[in-house]
Amino acid sequence: MSLLDVDTIDYVGVNILFKRVYVGIFDDLDWDNEATHFALLTKKIDRYTQYIRSGQLLAAYPRVRGYPVIIEYVAMRPMTRSAEAFWKTREALIRASGFDVRCRTVDVRHAVAADAETKVDDAEVAADTRLESVVNALDLATRPPPEEMHREDIVHGGRRAVLVMRKKTSSGR
């Protein structure tokens, strides 16, 4: 996933809720050599539009037929003024091609600095994180205990249980 890999698609994300497809360009380069950066970005955008128009996207993801395609540009470093002006021209060309565009900058410097300062055993941290996520996923996926299945104040709909609050009347019901 780099702007230098102009012949690869960095990522494809499918939002099934809103029925959208995100085809993402991940830019990890700085803007020191703007001419090279502009050329790489232009080439990468051209490859992306070819990938989508040639039907390769639909061949890889047949269920997204009819979904709008959004080309998403994710930069690790803020753009310079000339880079912003250049991006506006690319954005207009992408929109003219029939695709929507989204641009965002992700600042990962604090994460990189924390990794450099902290001496942590990566395997131990990864195991703890994975275990916690497995436990949370199991909590969501497990069925309620049998004693809760027959309670009147809980209504079960599929995998979710909903607590029903009933107001008591003067007759005690």
N, C-alpha and C. Protein backbone atom coordinates (compact mmCIF):
# COMPACT_ATOMS: atom_id res chain seq x y z
N MET A 1 0.83 -1.17 0.00
CA MET A 1 0.00 0.00 0.00
C MET A 1 0.88 1.24 0.00
N SER A 2 1.19 1.68 -1.17
CA SER A 2 2.01 2.87 -1.30
C SER A 2 1.69 3.53 -2.62
N LEU A 3 1.91 4.80 -2.68
CA LEU A 3 1.73 5.52 -3.93
C LEU A 3 2.74 5.07 -4.97
N LEU A 4 3.87 4.53 -4.51
CA LEU A 4 4.90 4.04 -5.44
C LEU A 4 4.44 2.81 -6.21
N ASP A 5 3.51 2.05 -5.65
CA ASP A 5 2.97 0.86 -6.33
C ASP A 5 1.79 1.28 -7.20
N VAL A 6 2.09 1.89 -8.34
CA VAL A 6 1.02 2.47 -9.16
C VAL A 6 0.15 1.41 -9.83
N ASP A 7 0.64 0.19 -9.94
CA ASP A 7 -0.13 -0.86 -10.61
C ASP A 7 -0.95 -1.73 -9.66
N THR A 8 -1.03 -1.34 -8.39
CA THR A 8 -1.83 -2.12 -7.44
C THR A 8 -2.94 -1.25 -6.85
N ILE A 9 -4.04 -1.90 -6.55
CA ILE A 9 -5.15 -1.23 -5.86
C ILE A 9 -4.86 -1.34 -4.37
N ASP A 10 -4.80 -0.21 -3.69
CA ASP A 10 -4.42 -0.21 -2.28
C ASP A 10 -5.48 -0.87 -1.40
N TYR A 11 -6.73 -0.51 -1.59
CA TYR A 11 -7.80 -1.19 -0.86
C TYR A 11 -9.13 -0.95 -1.53
N VAL A 12 -10.04 -1.89 -1.29
CA VAL A 12 -11.42 -1.78 -1.73
C VAL A 12 -12.28 -2.01 -0.49
N GLY A 13 -13.16 -1.07 -0.22
CA GLY A 13 -14.08 -1.20 0.90
C GLY A 13 -15.50 -1.15 0.41
N VAL A 14 -16.33 -2.04 0.92
CA VAL A 14 -17.74 -2.09 0.52
C VAL A 14 -18.59 -1.76 1.73
N ASN A 15 -19.41 -0.73 1.61
CA ASN A 15 -20.35 -0.36 2.65
C ASN A 15 -21.71 -0.92 2.23
N ILE A 16 -22.08 -2.06 2.81
CA ILE A 16 -23.33 -2.70 2.39
C ILE A 16 -24.56 -1.98 2.93
N LEU A 17 -24.39 -1.23 4.01
CA LEU A 17 -25.52 -0.50 4.58
C LEU A 17 -25.96 0.64 3.66
N PHE A 18 -24.99 1.43 3.19
CA PHE A 18 -25.30 2.56 2.31
C PHE A 18 -25.09 2.23 0.83
N LYS A 19 -24.70 0.99 0.55
CA LYS A 19 -24.51 0.50 -0.82
C LYS A 19 -23.55 1.38 -1.60
N ARG A 20 -22.31 1.43 -1.11
CA ARG A 20 -21.24 2.19 -1.76
C ARG A 20 -19.98 1.35 -1.80
N VAL A 21 -19.14 1.62 -2.80
CA VAL A 21 -17.85 0.96 -2.93
C VAL A 21 -16.77 2.02 -2.86
N TYR A 22 -15.82 1.82 -1.97
CA TYR A 22 -14.68 2.74 -1.83
C TYR A 22 -13.45 2.06 -2.40
N VAL A 23 -12.83 2.70 -3.37
CA VAL A 23 -11.57 2.22 -3.93
C VAL A 23 -10.53 3.24 -3.48
N GLY A 24 -9.59 2.79 -2.64
CA GLY A 24 -8.72 3.73 -1.95
C GLY A 24 -7.30 3.80 -2.45
N ILE A 25 -6.81 5.03 -2.49
CA ILE A 25 -5.40 5.32 -2.79
C ILE A 25 -4.76 5.73 -1.47
N PHE A 26 -3.73 5.01 -1.08
CA PHE A 26 -3.03 5.31 0.16
C PHE A 26 -1.71 6.00 -0.19
N ASP A 27 -1.55 7.23 0.26
CA ASP A 27 -0.37 8.04 -0.07
C ASP A 27 0.50 8.19 1.17
N ASP A 28 1.64 7.50 1.15
CA ASP A 28 2.56 7.54 2.29
C ASP A 28 3.78 8.42 2.04
N LEU A 29 3.80 9.12 0.92
CA LEU A 29 4.97 9.92 0.55
C LEU A 29 4.86 11.35 1.07
N ASP A 30 6.02 11.98 1.25
CA ASP A 30 6.01 13.39 1.61
C ASP A 30 5.95 14.22 0.33
N TRP A 31 5.86 15.53 0.48
CA TRP A 31 5.69 16.41 -0.67
C TRP A 31 6.99 17.15 -1.03
N ASP A 32 8.14 16.59 -0.67
CA ASP A 32 9.42 17.24 -0.98
C ASP A 32 9.64 17.37 -2.49
N ASN A 33 9.36 16.31 -3.23
CA ASN A 33 9.50 16.34 -4.68
C ASN A 33 8.10 16.32 -5.29
N GLU A 34 7.52 17.50 -5.42
CA GLU A 34 6.12 17.59 -5.85
C GLU A 34 5.90 17.07 -7.26
N ALA A 35 6.83 17.32 -8.17
CA ALA A 35 6.65 16.88 -9.56
C ALA A 35 6.51 15.36 -9.63
N THR A 36 7.37 14.65 -8.92
CA THR A 36 7.29 13.19 -8.90
C THR A 36 6.00 12.73 -8.22
N HIS A 37 5.65 13.40 -7.15
CA HIS A 37 4.43 13.06 -6.42
C HIS A 37 3.21 13.25 -7.32
N PHE A 38 3.16 14.36 -8.04
CA PHE A 38 2.04 14.62 -8.96
C PHE A 38 1.96 13.55 -10.04
N ALA A 39 3.11 13.17 -10.59
CA ALA A 39 3.14 12.16 -11.66
C ALA A 39 2.66 10.81 -11.14
N LEU A 40 3.12 10.41 -9.96
CA LEU A 40 2.69 9.14 -9.37
C LEU A 40 1.20 9.14 -9.07
N LEU A 41 0.72 10.23 -8.53
CA LEU A 41 -0.70 10.33 -8.19
C LEU A 41 -1.57 10.28 -9.45
N THR A 42 -1.13 10.97 -10.50
CA THR A 42 -1.87 10.95 -11.76
C THR A 42 -1.91 9.54 -12.35
N LYS A 43 -0.77 8.86 -12.32
CA LYS A 43 -0.70 7.50 -12.86
C LYS A 43 -1.57 6.55 -12.05
N LYS A 44 -1.55 6.70 -10.73
CA LYS A 44 -2.35 5.83 -9.87
C LYS A 44 -3.85 6.05 -10.12
N ILE A 45 -4.26 7.30 -10.26
CA ILE A 45 -5.67 7.60 -10.54
C ILE A 45 -6.08 7.01 -11.88
N ASP A 46 -5.21 7.13 -12.88
CA ASP A 46 -5.50 6.54 -14.20
C ASP A 46 -5.68 5.03 -14.10
N ARG A 47 -4.82 4.37 -13.33
CA ARG A 47 -4.92 2.92 -13.16
C ARG A 47 -6.23 2.55 -12.45
N TYR A 48 -6.62 3.35 -11.49
CA TYR A 48 -7.86 3.07 -10.77
C TYR A 48 -9.07 3.20 -11.69
N THR A 49 -9.12 4.24 -12.48
CA THR A 49 -10.26 4.40 -13.39
C THR A 49 -10.27 3.27 -14.43
N GLN A 50 -9.10 2.84 -14.89
CA GLN A 50 -9.03 1.69 -15.81
C GLN A 50 -9.54 0.43 -15.13
N TYR A 51 -9.15 0.22 -13.88
CA TYR A 51 -9.56 -0.95 -13.12
C TYR A 51 -11.09 -1.00 -12.99
N ILE A 52 -11.69 0.14 -12.73
CA ILE A 52 -13.14 0.18 -12.55
C ILE A 52 -13.85 0.04 -13.89
N ARG A 53 -13.43 0.80 -14.88
CA ARG A 53 -14.10 0.80 -16.18
C ARG A 53 -13.93 -0.52 -16.94
N SER A 54 -12.84 -1.22 -16.72
CA SER A 54 -12.61 -2.48 -17.43
C SER A 54 -13.46 -3.63 -16.88
N GLY A 55 -14.11 -3.41 -15.75
CA GLY A 55 -14.94 -4.45 -15.16
C GLY A 55 -14.22 -5.32 -14.16
N GLN A 56 -12.96 -5.03 -13.89
CA GLN A 56 -12.20 -5.84 -12.93
C GLN A 56 -12.77 -5.71 -11.52
N LEU A 57 -13.26 -4.53 -11.17
CA LEU A 57 -13.87 -4.34 -9.85
C LEU A 57 -15.09 -5.23 -9.70
N LEU A 58 -15.96 -5.25 -10.71
CA LEU A 58 -17.16 -6.08 -10.65
C LEU A 58 -16.83 -7.57 -10.73
N ALA A 59 -15.75 -7.91 -11.42
CA ALA A 59 -15.34 -9.32 -11.47
C ALA A 59 -14.89 -9.78 -10.09
N ALA A 60 -14.20 -8.92 -9.37
CA ALA A 60 -13.72 -9.26 -8.03
C ALA A 60 -14.83 -9.16 -6.98
N TYR A 61 -15.76 -8.22 -7.18
CA TYR A 61 -16.84 -7.98 -6.22
C TYR A 61 -18.18 -7.93 -6.97
N PRO A 62 -18.70 -9.07 -7.41
CA PRO A 62 -19.92 -9.06 -8.24
C PRO A 62 -21.16 -8.53 -7.52
N ARG A 63 -21.20 -8.60 -6.21
CA ARG A 63 -22.39 -8.15 -5.47
C ARG A 63 -22.52 -6.64 -5.40
N VAL A 64 -21.52 -5.90 -5.85
CA VAL A 64 -21.58 -4.44 -5.76
C VAL A 64 -22.10 -3.81 -7.06
N ARG A 65 -22.59 -4.62 -7.95
CA ARG A 65 -23.13 -4.08 -9.20
C ARG A 65 -24.24 -3.07 -8.89
N GLY A 66 -24.13 -1.88 -9.45
CA GLY A 66 -25.10 -0.83 -9.22
C GLY A 66 -24.75 0.11 -8.08
N TYR A 67 -23.76 -0.24 -7.27
CA TYR A 67 -23.33 0.64 -6.18
C TYR A 67 -22.50 1.79 -6.76
N PRO A 68 -22.66 3.00 -6.23
CA PRO A 68 -21.78 4.08 -6.67
C PRO A 68 -20.34 3.82 -6.19
N VAL A 69 -19.38 4.19 -7.03
CA VAL A 69 -17.97 3.99 -6.71
C VAL A 69 -17.37 5.31 -6.25
N ILE A 70 -16.69 5.28 -5.13
CA ILE A 70 -16.04 6.47 -4.58
C ILE A 70 -14.55 6.20 -4.54
N ILE A 71 -13.78 7.03 -5.21
CA ILE A 71 -12.33 6.94 -5.14
C ILE A 71 -11.90 7.77 -3.94
N GLU A 72 -11.26 7.10 -3.00
CA GLU A 72 -10.89 7.74 -1.75
C GLU A 72 -9.37 7.91 -1.69
N TYR A 73 -8.94 9.14 -1.47
CA TYR A 73 -7.52 9.45 -1.36
C TYR A 73 -7.20 9.65 0.12
N VAL A 74 -6.31 8.81 0.65
CA VAL A 74 -5.92 8.89 2.06
C VAL A 74 -4.43 9.23 2.11
N ALA A 75 -4.12 10.41 2.64
CA ALA A 75 -2.73 10.87 2.73
C ALA A 75 -2.24 10.79 4.17
N MET A 76 -0.98 10.44 4.32
CA MET A 76 -0.38 10.41 5.66
C MET A 76 0.18 11.76 6.07
N ARG A 77 0.41 12.61 5.09
CA ARG A 77 0.99 13.93 5.38
C ARG A 77 0.10 15.01 4.77
N PRO A 78 0.01 16.14 5.43
CA PRO A 78 -0.81 17.24 4.90
C PRO A 78 -0.27 17.73 3.56
N MET A 79 -1.20 18.17 2.71
CA MET A 79 -0.82 18.67 1.39
C MET A 79 -0.27 20.09 1.48
N THR A 80 0.63 20.40 0.56
CA THR A 80 1.09 21.78 0.40
C THR A 80 0.02 22.54 -0.38
N ARG A 81 0.16 23.85 -0.49
CA ARG A 81 -0.83 24.63 -1.25
C ARG A 81 -0.87 24.21 -2.71
N SER A 82 0.28 24.00 -3.30
CA SER A 82 0.30 23.58 -4.71
C SER A 82 -0.27 22.17 -4.86
N ALA A 83 -0.05 21.32 -3.86
CA ALA A 83 -0.62 19.97 -3.90
C ALA A 83 -2.15 20.03 -3.80
N GLU A 84 -2.66 20.93 -2.97
CA GLU A 84 -4.11 21.09 -2.86
C GLU A 84 -4.71 21.55 -4.19
N ALA A 85 -4.05 22.49 -4.84
CA ALA A 85 -4.51 22.97 -6.15
C ALA A 85 -4.48 21.84 -7.17
N PHE A 86 -3.40 21.05 -7.15
CA PHE A 86 -3.29 19.91 -8.05
C PHE A 86 -4.40 18.90 -7.77
N TRP A 87 -4.64 18.60 -6.50
CA TRP A 87 -5.67 17.63 -6.15
C TRP A 87 -7.04 18.09 -6.62
N LYS A 88 -7.32 19.38 -6.53
CA LYS A 88 -8.62 19.89 -7.01
C LYS A 88 -8.82 19.58 -8.49
N THR A 89 -7.75 19.69 -9.28
CA THR A 89 -7.87 19.37 -10.72
C THR A 89 -8.11 17.88 -10.90
N ARG A 90 -7.43 17.03 -10.12
CA ARG A 90 -7.63 15.57 -10.20
C ARG A 90 -9.05 15.21 -9.76
N GLU A 91 -9.50 15.88 -8.73
CA GLU A 91 -10.84 15.63 -8.22
C GLU A 91 -11.90 15.94 -9.29
N ALA A 92 -11.71 17.05 -9.99
CA ALA A 92 -12.65 17.42 -11.06
C ALA A 92 -12.63 16.38 -12.18
N LEU A 93 -11.45 15.88 -12.52
CA LEU A 93 -11.35 14.85 -13.57
C LEU A 93 -12.01 13.54 -13.14
N ILE A 94 -11.84 13.17 -11.90
CA ILE A 94 -12.45 11.94 -11.40
C ILE A 94 -13.97 12.07 -11.41
N ARG A 95 -14.48 13.20 -10.97
CA ARG A 95 -15.93 13.43 -10.98
C ARG A 95 -16.47 13.44 -12.41
N ALA A 96 -15.70 14.01 -13.34
CA ALA A 96 -16.11 14.02 -14.74
C ALA A 96 -16.14 12.61 -15.32
N SER A 97 -15.35 11.71 -14.74
CA SER A 97 -15.34 10.31 -15.18
C SER A 97 -16.53 9.53 -14.65
N GLY A 98 -17.29 10.14 -13.74
CA GLY A 98 -18.48 9.49 -13.22
C GLY A 98 -18.34 8.88 -11.85
N PHE A 99 -17.25 9.18 -11.16
CA PHE A 99 -17.02 8.63 -9.83
C PHE A 99 -17.04 9.76 -8.81
N ASP A 100 -17.41 9.41 -7.60
CA ASP A 100 -17.35 10.38 -6.51
C ASP A 100 -15.96 10.33 -5.91
N VAL A 101 -15.60 11.38 -5.17
CA VAL A 101 -14.25 11.48 -4.61
C VAL A 101 -14.34 11.84 -3.14
N ARG A 102 -13.44 11.26 -2.37
CA ARG A 102 -13.32 11.59 -0.96
C ARG A 102 -11.84 11.72 -0.66
N CYS A 103 -11.49 12.73 0.11
CA CYS A 103 -10.08 12.99 0.44
C CYS A 103 -9.96 13.20 1.94
N ARG A 104 -8.96 12.54 2.54
CA ARG A 104 -8.72 12.76 3.97
C ARG A 104 -7.25 12.56 4.28
N THR A 105 -6.82 13.19 5.36
CA THR A 105 -5.45 13.06 5.82
C THR A 105 -5.47 12.35 7.17
N VAL A 106 -4.64 11.34 7.30
CA VAL A 106 -4.54 10.57 8.54
C VAL A 106 -3.17 10.84 9.13
N ASP A 107 -3.14 11.40 10.32
CA ASP A 107 -1.88 11.72 10.97
C ASP A 107 -1.47 10.55 11.86
N VAL A 108 -0.41 9.85 11.47
CA VAL A 108 0.05 8.69 12.24
C VAL A 108 1.34 8.98 12.99
N ARG A 109 1.75 10.24 13.02
CA ARG A 109 3.02 10.58 13.68
C ARG A 109 3.01 10.24 15.16
N HIS A 110 1.90 10.49 15.85
CA HIS A 110 1.85 10.18 17.28
C HIS A 110 1.98 8.67 17.52
N ALA A 111 1.43 7.86 16.65
CA ALA A 111 1.53 6.40 16.80
C ALA A 111 2.96 5.93 16.54
N VAL A 112 3.60 6.52 15.54
CA VAL A 112 4.98 6.15 15.23
C VAL A 112 5.90 6.58 16.36
N ALA A 113 5.68 7.77 16.91
CA ALA A 113 6.51 8.25 18.02
C ALA A 113 6.33 7.37 19.25
N ALA A 114 5.10 6.95 19.52
CA ALA A 114 4.85 6.09 20.69
C ALA A 114 5.54 4.75 20.52
N ASP A 115 5.54 4.20 19.31
CA ASP A 115 6.22 2.93 19.07
C ASP A 115 7.72 3.07 19.27
N ALA A 116 8.28 4.20 18.88
CA ALA A 116 9.72 4.40 19.00
C ALA A 116 10.13 4.58 20.46
N GLU A 117 9.27 5.20 21.27
CA GLU A 117 9.62 5.47 22.66
C GLU A 117 9.37 4.27 23.58
N THR A 118 8.34 3.52 23.33
CA THR A 118 7.93 2.45 24.22
C THR A 118 8.57 1.13 23.81
N LYS A 119 9.14 0.45 24.78
CA LYS A 119 9.70 -0.88 24.55
C LYS A 119 8.66 -1.89 25.02
N VAL A 120 7.94 -2.49 24.08
CA VAL A 120 6.89 -3.43 24.42
C VAL A 120 7.06 -4.68 23.57
N ASP A 121 6.78 -5.82 24.16
CA ASP A 121 6.82 -7.07 23.41
C ASP A 121 5.58 -7.13 22.52
N ASP A 122 5.76 -7.00 21.20
CA ASP A 122 4.65 -6.94 20.25
C ASP A 122 3.77 -8.18 20.29
N ALA A 123 4.37 -9.34 20.44
CA ALA A 123 3.59 -10.58 20.43
C ALA A 123 2.63 -10.61 21.62
N GLU A 124 3.09 -10.17 22.78
CA GLU A 124 2.24 -10.17 23.97
C GLU A 124 1.07 -9.21 23.81
N VAL A 125 1.32 -8.02 23.28
CA VAL A 125 0.26 -7.03 23.08
C VAL A 125 -0.75 -7.54 22.07
N ALA A 126 -0.27 -8.12 20.97
CA ALA A 126 -1.17 -8.63 19.94
C ALA A 126 -2.06 -9.74 20.50
N ALA A 127 -1.49 -10.61 21.32
CA ALA A 127 -2.28 -11.71 21.89
C ALA A 127 -3.36 -11.17 22.81
N ASP A 128 -3.03 -10.20 23.66
CA ASP A 128 -4.02 -9.62 24.56
C ASP A 128 -5.13 -8.94 23.79
N THR A 129 -4.78 -8.18 22.78
CA THR A 129 -5.77 -7.47 21.98
C THR A 129 -6.69 -8.45 21.29
N ARG A 130 -6.11 -9.47 20.71
CA ARG A 130 -6.91 -10.44 19.98
C ARG A 130 -7.85 -11.17 20.94
N LEU A 131 -7.37 -11.54 22.11
CA LEU A 131 -8.21 -12.24 23.08
C LEU A 131 -9.38 -11.37 23.50
N GLU A 132 -9.12 -10.08 23.75
CA GLU A 132 -10.19 -9.18 24.16
C GLU A 132 -11.25 -9.07 23.08
N SER A 133 -10.83 -8.96 21.81
CA SER A 133 -11.80 -8.83 20.74
C SER A 133 -12.58 -10.12 20.55
N VAL A 134 -11.94 -11.27 20.78
CA VAL A 134 -12.65 -12.54 20.68
C VAL A 134 -13.70 -12.64 21.77
N VAL A 135 -13.36 -12.24 22.98
CA VAL A 135 -14.31 -12.28 24.08
C VAL A 135 -15.49 -11.37 23.78
N ASN A 136 -15.23 -10.16 23.29
CA ASN A 136 -16.33 -9.25 22.97
C ASN A 136 -17.20 -9.81 21.86
N ALA A 137 -16.60 -10.42 20.86
CA ALA A 137 -17.37 -11.00 19.77
C ALA A 137 -18.21 -12.16 20.27
N LEU A 138 -17.67 -12.97 21.17
CA LEU A 138 -18.44 -14.07 21.73
C LEU A 138 -19.60 -13.57 22.58
N ASP A 139 -19.39 -12.48 23.31
CA ASP A 139 -20.48 -11.91 24.10
C ASP A 139 -21.65 -11.52 23.21
N LEU A 140 -21.34 -10.99 22.04
CA LEU A 140 -22.39 -10.56 21.13
C LEU A 140 -23.06 -11.73 20.43
N ALA A 141 -22.32 -12.80 20.18
CA ALA A 141 -22.83 -13.89 19.36
C ALA A 141 -23.54 -14.98 20.17
N THR A 142 -23.31 -15.05 21.46
CA THR A 142 -23.90 -16.15 22.24
C THR A 142 -25.36 -15.88 22.53
N ARG A 143 -26.08 -16.97 22.64
CA ARG A 143 -27.50 -16.88 22.97
C ARG A 143 -27.64 -16.65 24.48
N PRO A 144 -28.74 -16.06 24.91
CA PRO A 144 -28.94 -15.82 26.34
C PRO A 144 -29.11 -17.15 27.10
N PRO A 145 -28.82 -17.14 28.39
CA PRO A 145 -29.00 -18.36 29.19
C PRO A 145 -30.47 -18.77 29.21
N PRO A 146 -30.74 -20.07 29.43
CA PRO A 146 -32.13 -20.57 29.38
C PRO A 146 -33.07 -19.85 30.34
N GLU A 147 -32.57 -19.45 31.52
CA GLU A 147 -33.46 -18.78 32.47
C GLU A 147 -33.93 -17.42 31.95
N GLU A 148 -33.14 -16.77 31.08
CA GLU A 148 -33.56 -15.49 30.51
C GLU A 148 -34.49 -15.68 29.33
N MET A 149 -34.44 -16.85 28.70
CA MET A 149 -35.27 -17.09 27.52
C MET A 149 -36.76 -17.06 27.86
N HIS A 150 -37.12 -17.38 29.11
CA HIS A 150 -38.53 -17.49 29.46
C HIS A 150 -39.02 -16.34 30.33
N ARG A 151 -38.20 -15.35 30.54
CA ARG A 151 -38.64 -14.20 31.33
C ARG A 151 -39.59 -13.35 30.50
N GLU A 152 -40.64 -12.84 31.13
CA GLU A 152 -41.64 -12.06 30.41
C GLU A 152 -41.16 -10.65 30.09
N ASP A 153 -40.20 -10.14 30.85
CA ASP A 153 -39.77 -8.76 30.63
C ASP A 153 -38.68 -8.65 29.57
N ILE A 154 -38.28 -9.78 28.97
CA ILE A 154 -37.27 -9.75 27.91
C ILE A 154 -37.88 -10.34 26.65
N VAL A 155 -37.81 -9.60 25.57
CA VAL A 155 -38.29 -10.06 24.28
C VAL A 155 -37.08 -10.39 23.43
N HIS A 156 -37.04 -11.59 22.87
CA HIS A 156 -35.90 -12.01 22.06
C HIS A 156 -36.26 -11.90 20.59
N GLY A 157 -35.45 -11.18 19.86
CA GLY A 157 -35.63 -11.06 18.42
C GLY A 157 -34.33 -11.42 17.74
N GLY A 158 -34.22 -12.64 17.27
CA GLY A 158 -32.96 -13.06 16.66
C GLY A 158 -31.90 -13.20 17.72
N ARG A 159 -30.80 -12.46 17.55
CA ARG A 159 -29.68 -12.55 18.48
C ARG A 159 -29.74 -11.50 19.58
N ARG A 160 -30.65 -10.55 19.46
CA ARG A 160 -30.69 -9.47 20.44
C ARG A 160 -31.83 -9.66 21.41
N ALA A 161 -31.57 -9.34 22.63
CA ALA A 161 -32.60 -9.37 23.66
C ALA A 161 -32.94 -7.94 24.02
N VAL A 162 -34.22 -7.65 24.14
CA VAL A 162 -34.67 -6.31 24.47
C VAL A 162 -35.44 -6.37 25.78
N LEU A 163 -35.05 -5.54 26.71
CA LEU A 163 -35.73 -5.48 28.00
C LEU A 163 -36.96 -4.60 27.82
N VAL A 164 -38.13 -5.14 28.14
CA VAL A 164 -39.38 -4.40 27.99
C VAL A 164 -39.78 -3.88 29.36
N MET A 165 -39.93 -2.57 29.48
CA MET A 165 -40.33 -1.95 30.74
C MET A 165 -41.84 -1.77 30.71
N ARG A 166 -42.52 -2.38 31.67
CA ARG A 166 -43.97 -2.25 31.76
C ARG A 166 -44.32 -1.49 33.02
N LYS A 167 -45.23 -0.56 32.87
CA LYS A 167 -45.68 0.22 34.02
C LYS A 167 -46.77 -0.56 34.74
N LYS A 168 -46.63 -0.67 36.05
CA LYS A 168 -47.64 -1.38 36.83
C LYS A 168 -48.87 -0.49 37.00
N THR A 169 -50.01 -1.10 36.87
CA THR A 169 -51.26 -0.37 37.04
C THR A 169 -51.73 -0.51 38.48
N SER A 170 -52.83 0.14 38.80
CA SER A 170 -53.35 0.09 40.17
C SER A 170 -53.81 -1.32 40.54
N SER A 171 -54.11 -2.14 39.55
CA SER A 171 -54.54 -3.51 39.84
C SER A 171 -53.35 -4.43 40.12
N GLY A 172 -52.12 -3.92 39.97
CA GLY A 172 -50.94 -4.69 40.30
C GLY A 172 -50.34 -5.46 39.14
N ARG A 173 -50.88 -5.28 37.96
CA ARG A 173 -50.35 -5.99 36.80
C ARG A 173 -49.25 -5.25 36.15
